[in-house]
Amino acid sequence: MVADTINYVNYYRRSLDLLSPHGVMLIDNVLWDGDVLKQPAPDEKTAAIQALNRTVSSAPPGLTLLPIAHLHAVTVSVASHNRVLFVQ
C-alpha cells in the first residue's frame, strides 16, 4: 500500500475490507526512519503513520504483521490455521 501518508489508516481499513481470505497487503513507511517512536510526533505525516501502526497492531484475529527491512510491513490474512504462508 503506497498512498498519501495522511490517509494511510483510511486506505488500510478499506484495503482490509477488500483483502481476500488468503491475501497479502504491503504497507510502506511503517517505521518512517524511526520517527514513529518520537513523542509527540514531529509532524502530521509521522502522527498519521503512528495511528496506522496502532490500528494495524489491533487487527482482527487471523492477521499477522511482519515487518521487513526498515520501511515495509506485510499484513497477511490467513483464513485457515492449517495453511502456512511464506512471504519473501
N, C-alpha and C. Protein backbone atom coordinates (compact mmCIF):
# COMPACT_ATOMS: atom_id res chain seq x y z
N MET A 1 0.85 -1.16 0.00
CA MET A 1 0.00 0.00 0.00
C MET A 1 0.90 1.22 0.00
N VAL A 2 0.81 2.02 -1.03
CA VAL A 2 1.51 3.30 -1.09
C VAL A 2 0.47 4.33 -1.48
N ALA A 3 0.29 5.32 -0.66
CA ALA A 3 -0.72 6.34 -0.90
C ALA A 3 -0.30 7.59 -0.14
N ASP A 4 -1.15 8.61 -0.15
CA ASP A 4 -0.76 9.78 0.62
C ASP A 4 -0.79 9.43 2.10
N THR A 5 0.26 9.78 2.77
CA THR A 5 0.53 9.31 4.13
C THR A 5 -0.59 9.67 5.11
N ILE A 6 -1.15 10.84 5.00
CA ILE A 6 -2.16 11.29 5.95
C ILE A 6 -3.37 10.35 5.98
N ASN A 7 -3.67 9.72 4.86
CA ASN A 7 -4.84 8.85 4.77
C ASN A 7 -4.52 7.36 4.89
N TYR A 8 -3.35 7.00 5.37
CA TYR A 8 -2.97 5.59 5.48
C TYR A 8 -4.01 4.77 6.24
N VAL A 9 -4.52 5.26 7.36
CA VAL A 9 -5.49 4.49 8.14
C VAL A 9 -6.75 4.24 7.31
N ASN A 10 -7.21 5.24 6.60
CA ASN A 10 -8.41 5.07 5.75
C ASN A 10 -8.15 4.04 4.65
N TYR A 11 -6.99 4.14 4.01
CA TYR A 11 -6.64 3.18 2.95
C TYR A 11 -6.50 1.77 3.52
N TYR A 12 -5.89 1.67 4.70
CA TYR A 12 -5.72 0.36 5.33
C TYR A 12 -7.09 -0.28 5.60
N ARG A 13 -7.98 0.48 6.21
CA ARG A 13 -9.30 -0.08 6.54
C ARG A 13 -10.06 -0.51 5.29
N ARG A 14 -10.00 0.31 4.25
CA ARG A 14 -10.71 -0.05 3.01
C ARG A 14 -10.05 -1.26 2.35
N SER A 15 -8.72 -1.28 2.34
CA SER A 15 -8.00 -2.41 1.75
C SER A 15 -8.29 -3.69 2.51
N LEU A 16 -8.39 -3.60 3.82
CA LEU A 16 -8.70 -4.78 4.63
C LEU A 16 -10.07 -5.34 4.27
N ASP A 17 -11.02 -4.46 4.00
CA ASP A 17 -12.36 -4.90 3.56
C ASP A 17 -12.28 -5.66 2.24
N LEU A 18 -11.36 -5.26 1.38
CA LEU A 18 -11.25 -5.85 0.04
C LEU A 18 -10.28 -7.03 -0.02
N LEU A 19 -9.48 -7.23 1.02
CA LEU A 19 -8.46 -8.27 1.03
C LEU A 19 -9.10 -9.65 1.03
N SER A 20 -8.65 -10.51 0.14
CA SER A 20 -9.19 -11.87 0.10
C SER A 20 -8.72 -12.64 1.34
N PRO A 21 -9.40 -13.73 1.67
CA PRO A 21 -9.02 -14.51 2.85
C PRO A 21 -7.57 -14.99 2.84
N HIS A 22 -6.97 -15.08 1.67
CA HIS A 22 -5.57 -15.53 1.58
C HIS A 22 -4.69 -14.42 1.03
N GLY A 23 -5.13 -13.19 1.17
CA GLY A 23 -4.45 -12.05 0.58
C GLY A 23 -3.25 -11.57 1.38
N VAL A 24 -2.47 -10.74 0.74
CA VAL A 24 -1.29 -10.12 1.34
C VAL A 24 -1.36 -8.62 1.04
N MET A 25 -1.13 -7.81 2.05
CA MET A 25 -1.11 -6.36 1.88
C MET A 25 0.28 -5.86 2.25
N LEU A 26 0.89 -5.07 1.39
CA LEU A 26 2.18 -4.46 1.68
C LEU A 26 1.95 -3.01 2.07
N ILE A 27 2.58 -2.59 3.15
CA ILE A 27 2.42 -1.22 3.64
C ILE A 27 3.81 -0.60 3.72
N ASP A 28 3.97 0.54 3.09
CA ASP A 28 5.24 1.24 3.04
C ASP A 28 5.38 2.21 4.22
N ASN A 29 6.60 2.47 4.62
CA ASN A 29 6.95 3.53 5.57
C ASN A 29 6.49 3.30 7.01
N VAL A 30 6.26 2.07 7.43
CA VAL A 30 5.73 1.85 8.78
C VAL A 30 6.70 2.25 9.89
N LEU A 31 7.97 2.27 9.61
CA LEU A 31 8.94 2.69 10.62
C LEU A 31 9.38 4.14 10.45
N TRP A 32 9.16 4.69 9.25
CA TRP A 32 9.35 6.12 8.99
C TRP A 32 10.68 6.62 9.53
N ASP A 33 11.74 5.90 9.19
CA ASP A 33 13.11 6.25 9.63
C ASP A 33 13.23 6.38 11.14
N GLY A 34 12.42 5.66 11.88
CA GLY A 34 12.47 5.70 13.34
C GLY A 34 11.66 6.83 13.96
N ASP A 35 11.14 7.73 13.15
CA ASP A 35 10.39 8.86 13.68
C ASP A 35 9.09 8.43 14.35
N VAL A 36 8.59 7.24 14.04
CA VAL A 36 7.34 6.77 14.65
C VAL A 36 7.50 6.57 16.16
N LEU A 37 8.72 6.54 16.64
CA LEU A 37 8.97 6.38 18.08
C LEU A 37 8.95 7.71 18.83
N LYS A 38 9.00 8.81 18.10
CA LYS A 38 9.07 10.12 18.74
C LYS A 38 7.72 10.54 19.29
N GLN A 39 7.74 11.02 20.53
CA GLN A 39 6.53 11.53 21.20
C GLN A 39 6.83 12.92 21.72
N PRO A 40 6.07 13.89 21.36
CA PRO A 40 4.98 13.83 20.39
C PRO A 40 5.53 13.70 18.97
N ALA A 41 4.67 13.30 18.07
CA ALA A 41 5.07 13.16 16.67
C ALA A 41 5.55 14.52 16.15
N PRO A 42 6.68 14.53 15.43
CA PRO A 42 7.23 15.79 14.97
C PRO A 42 6.42 16.48 13.86
N ASP A 43 5.54 15.74 13.19
CA ASP A 43 4.76 16.34 12.11
C ASP A 43 3.51 15.50 11.85
N GLU A 44 2.67 16.01 10.97
CA GLU A 44 1.38 15.37 10.67
C GLU A 44 1.54 13.99 10.03
N LYS A 45 2.50 13.85 9.14
CA LYS A 45 2.71 12.56 8.48
C LYS A 45 3.16 11.50 9.48
N THR A 46 4.06 11.86 10.37
CA THR A 46 4.51 10.91 11.39
C THR A 46 3.35 10.50 12.29
N ALA A 47 2.53 11.46 12.67
CA ALA A 47 1.36 11.15 13.50
C ALA A 47 0.41 10.20 12.77
N ALA A 48 0.26 10.39 11.46
CA ALA A 48 -0.60 9.50 10.68
C ALA A 48 -0.05 8.08 10.63
N ILE A 49 1.26 7.94 10.51
CA ILE A 49 1.86 6.61 10.49
C ILE A 49 1.79 5.96 11.87
N GLN A 50 1.95 6.75 12.92
CA GLN A 50 1.76 6.21 14.26
C GLN A 50 0.34 5.69 14.44
N ALA A 51 -0.64 6.43 13.93
CA ALA A 51 -2.05 6.00 14.01
C ALA A 51 -2.25 4.71 13.22
N LEU A 52 -1.63 4.62 12.04
CA LEU A 52 -1.72 3.39 11.24
C LEU A 52 -1.16 2.21 12.02
N ASN A 53 0.02 2.38 12.59
CA ASN A 53 0.65 1.28 13.33
C ASN A 53 -0.20 0.84 14.52
N ARG A 54 -0.84 1.78 15.20
CA ARG A 54 -1.75 1.41 16.30
C ARG A 54 -2.95 0.63 15.75
N THR A 55 -3.47 1.07 14.61
CA THR A 55 -4.62 0.40 14.00
C THR A 55 -4.26 -1.01 13.57
N VAL A 56 -3.11 -1.16 12.91
CA VAL A 56 -2.69 -2.49 12.43
C VAL A 56 -2.40 -3.41 13.62
N SER A 57 -1.83 -2.85 14.69
CA SER A 57 -1.49 -3.70 15.83
C SER A 57 -2.74 -4.23 16.54
N SER A 58 -3.88 -3.61 16.30
CA SER A 58 -5.13 -4.10 16.89
C SER A 58 -5.99 -4.81 15.84
N ALA A 59 -5.33 -5.35 14.82
CA ALA A 59 -6.03 -6.03 13.73
C ALA A 59 -6.81 -7.23 14.26
N PRO A 60 -7.85 -7.63 13.54
CA PRO A 60 -8.64 -8.78 13.98
C PRO A 60 -7.81 -10.07 13.98
N PRO A 61 -8.24 -11.06 14.75
CA PRO A 61 -7.53 -12.34 14.76
C PRO A 61 -7.41 -12.91 13.35
N GLY A 62 -6.31 -13.56 13.08
CA GLY A 62 -6.10 -14.13 11.76
C GLY A 62 -5.22 -13.27 10.89
N LEU A 63 -4.91 -12.05 11.34
CA LEU A 63 -4.00 -11.19 10.60
C LEU A 63 -2.66 -11.13 11.31
N THR A 64 -1.61 -11.09 10.56
CA THR A 64 -0.27 -11.05 11.12
C THR A 64 0.49 -9.91 10.47
N LEU A 65 1.20 -9.13 11.26
CA LEU A 65 2.04 -8.06 10.75
C LEU A 65 3.48 -8.54 10.78
N LEU A 66 4.12 -8.55 9.62
CA LEU A 66 5.51 -8.99 9.51
C LEU A 66 6.36 -7.82 9.03
N PRO A 67 7.11 -7.17 9.90
CA PRO A 67 7.98 -6.10 9.42
C PRO A 67 9.14 -6.69 8.61
N ILE A 68 9.46 -6.06 7.48
CA ILE A 68 10.61 -6.48 6.69
C ILE A 68 11.46 -5.26 6.39
N ALA A 69 12.75 -5.48 6.37
CA ALA A 69 13.72 -4.41 6.12
C ALA A 69 13.49 -3.30 7.13
N HIS A 70 13.63 -2.08 6.71
CA HIS A 70 13.47 -0.98 7.65
C HIS A 70 12.28 -0.09 7.32
N LEU A 71 11.57 -0.39 6.26
CA LEU A 71 10.49 0.51 5.87
C LEU A 71 9.15 -0.16 5.65
N HIS A 72 9.11 -1.46 5.41
CA HIS A 72 7.88 -2.09 4.93
C HIS A 72 7.31 -3.05 5.95
N ALA A 73 6.03 -3.30 5.81
CA ALA A 73 5.38 -4.33 6.61
C ALA A 73 4.44 -5.09 5.69
N VAL A 74 4.24 -6.34 6.04
CA VAL A 74 3.32 -7.18 5.28
C VAL A 74 2.20 -7.59 6.22
N THR A 75 0.97 -7.36 5.81
CA THR A 75 -0.18 -7.85 6.56
C THR A 75 -0.69 -9.07 5.83
N VAL A 76 -0.73 -10.20 6.52
CA VAL A 76 -1.11 -11.46 5.90
C VAL A 76 -2.43 -11.91 6.49
N SER A 77 -3.37 -12.18 5.62
CA SER A 77 -4.66 -12.71 6.05
C SER A 77 -4.64 -14.21 5.84
N VAL A 78 -4.80 -14.95 6.92
CA VAL A 78 -4.78 -16.40 6.83
C VAL A 78 -6.14 -16.91 7.29
N ALA A 79 -6.89 -17.46 6.36
CA ALA A 79 -8.25 -17.90 6.66
C ALA A 79 -8.27 -19.21 7.44
N SER A 80 -7.29 -20.06 7.23
CA SER A 80 -7.27 -21.36 7.88
C SER A 80 -5.95 -21.54 8.62
N HIS A 81 -6.01 -22.02 9.83
CA HIS A 81 -4.79 -22.26 10.60
C HIS A 81 -4.02 -23.46 10.07
N ASN A 82 -4.60 -24.21 9.12
CA ASN A 82 -3.93 -25.37 8.55
C ASN A 82 -3.02 -24.99 7.39
N ARG A 83 -2.97 -23.72 7.06
CA ARG A 83 -2.15 -23.27 5.92
C ARG A 83 -0.96 -22.49 6.45
N VAL A 84 0.13 -22.61 5.75
CA VAL A 84 1.34 -21.86 6.08
C VAL A 84 1.63 -20.97 4.89
N LEU A 85 1.85 -19.68 5.15
CA LEU A 85 2.11 -18.72 4.08
C LEU A 85 3.49 -18.11 4.33
N PHE A 86 4.36 -18.19 3.36
CA PHE A 86 5.68 -17.59 3.45
C PHE A 86 5.73 -16.38 2.55
N VAL A 87 6.25 -15.29 3.04
CA VAL A 87 6.41 -14.08 2.26
C VAL A 87 7.89 -13.77 2.22
N GLN A 88 8.42 -13.62 1.01
CA GLN A 88 9.84 -13.28 0.89
C GLN A 88 10.00 -11.97 0.20
